[in-house]
């Protein structure tokens, strides 16, 4: 894929279509990071906390 930023002349504004595509890509990356954080860090921590509370009650 060609780099769309190389097609832009320094004095011109960035086309809205390119801005939109970049923002969509950033949003997808943020969503991926949030999902990974949820399932790789927060969910196991929650399970560990629950199991530790159950062990303390016994």
C-alpha atoms as a PDB file:
ATOM      1  CA  UNK A   1       0.000   0.000   0.000  1.00  0.00           C
ATOM      2  CA  UNK A   2       1.309   3.453  -0.903  1.00  0.00           C
ATOM      3  CA  UNK A   3       1.866   5.978   1.820  1.00  0.00           C
ATOM      4  CA  UNK A   4      -0.883   8.608   1.306  1.00  0.00           C
ATOM      5  CA  UNK A   5       1.128  11.231   3.189  1.00  0.00           C
ATOM      6  CA  UNK A   6       3.845  11.216   0.504  1.00  0.00           C
ATOM      7  CA  UNK A   7       1.232  12.328  -2.048  1.00  0.00           C
ATOM      8  CA  UNK A   8       0.465  15.501  -0.085  1.00  0.00           C
ATOM      9  CA  UNK A   9       2.308  18.693  -0.969  1.00  0.00           C
ATOM     10  CA  UNK A  10       3.560  20.586   2.084  1.00  0.00           C
ATOM     11  CA  UNK A  11       1.395  23.643   1.384  1.00  0.00           C
ATOM     12  CA  UNK A  12      -1.857  21.745   0.945  1.00  0.00           C
ATOM     13  CA  UNK A  13      -4.317  20.615   3.567  1.00  0.00           C
ATOM     14  CA  UNK A  14      -4.784  16.960   4.326  1.00  0.00           C
ATOM     15  CA  UNK A  15      -7.782  15.530   2.455  1.00  0.00           C
ATOM     16  CA  UNK A  16     -10.731  14.622   4.668  1.00  0.00           C
ATOM     17  CA  UNK A  17     -10.779  11.070   3.317  1.00  0.00           C
ATOM     18  CA  UNK A  18      -7.228  10.471   4.524  1.00  0.00           C
ATOM     19  CA  UNK A  19      -7.980  12.076   7.893  1.00  0.00           C
ATOM     20  CA  UNK A  20     -10.990   9.800   8.257  1.00  0.00           C
ATOM     21  CA  UNK A  21      -9.004   6.689   7.379  1.00  0.00           C
ATOM     22  CA  UNK A  22      -6.242   7.548   9.841  1.00  0.00           C
ATOM     23  CA  UNK A  23      -8.745   8.197  12.626  1.00  0.00           C
ATOM     24  CA  UNK A  24     -10.522   4.899  11.896  1.00  0.00           C
ATOM     25  CA  UNK A  25      -7.196   3.073  12.124  1.00  0.00           C
ATOM     26  CA  UNK A  26      -6.397   4.781  15.427  1.00  0.00           C
ATOM     27  CA  UNK A  27      -9.823   3.831  16.792  1.00  0.00           C
ATOM     28  CA  UNK A  28      -9.326   0.196  15.775  1.00  0.00           C
ATOM     29  CA  UNK A  29      -5.935   0.115  17.504  1.00  0.00           C
ATOM     30  CA  UNK A  30      -7.407   1.647  20.680  1.00  0.00           C
ATOM     31  CA  UNK A  31     -10.250  -0.879  20.659  1.00  0.00           C
ATOM     32  CA  UNK A  32      -7.798  -3.757  20.217  1.00  0.00           C
ATOM     33  CA  UNK A  33      -5.715  -2.526  23.140  1.00  0.00           C
ATOM     34  CA  UNK A  34      -8.806  -2.152  25.349  1.00  0.00           C
ATOM     35  CA  UNK A  35      -9.993  -5.670  24.523  1.00  0.00           C
ATOM     36  CA  UNK A  36      -6.530  -7.125  25.155  1.00  0.00           C
ATOM     37  CA  UNK A  37      -6.332  -5.270  28.472  1.00  0.00           C
ATOM     38  CA  UNK A  38      -9.741  -6.575  29.488  1.00  0.00           C
ATOM     39  CA  UNK A  39      -9.066 -10.233  28.774  1.00  0.00           C
ATOM     40  CA  UNK A  40      -5.338 -10.419  29.507  1.00  0.00           C
ATOM     41  CA  UNK A  41      -5.114  -8.324  32.681  1.00  0.00           C
ATOM     42  CA  UNK A  42      -8.417  -7.307  34.254  1.00  0.00           C
ATOM     43  CA  UNK A  43     -10.325 -10.591  33.844  1.00  0.00           C
ATOM     44  CA  UNK A  44      -7.582 -12.813  35.354  1.00  0.00           C
ATOM     45  CA  UNK A  45      -7.064 -10.315  38.187  1.00  0.00           C
ATOM     46  CA  UNK A  46     -10.777 -10.416  38.957  1.00  0.00           C
ATOM     47  CA  UNK A  47     -10.821 -14.214  38.995  1.00  0.00           C
ATOM     48  CA  UNK A  48      -7.792 -14.266  41.287  1.00  0.00           C
ATOM     49  CA  UNK A  49      -9.452 -11.822  43.675  1.00  0.00           C
ATOM     50  CA  UNK A  50     -12.664 -13.874  43.742  1.00  0.00           C
ATOM     51  CA  UNK A  51     -10.806 -17.126  44.379  1.00  0.00           C
ATOM     52  CA  UNK A  52      -8.730 -15.525  47.138  1.00  0.00           C
ATOM     53  CA  UNK A  53     -11.883 -14.247  48.862  1.00  0.00           C
ATOM     54  CA  UNK A  54     -13.396 -17.723  48.670  1.00  0.00           C
ATOM     55  CA  UNK A  55     -10.260 -19.228  50.241  1.00  0.00           C
ATOM     56  CA  UNK A  56     -10.357 -16.689  53.095  1.00  0.00           C
ATOM     57  CA  UNK A  57     -13.978 -17.584  53.894  1.00  0.00           C
ATOM     58  CA  UNK A  58     -13.117 -21.270  54.313  1.00  0.00           C
END
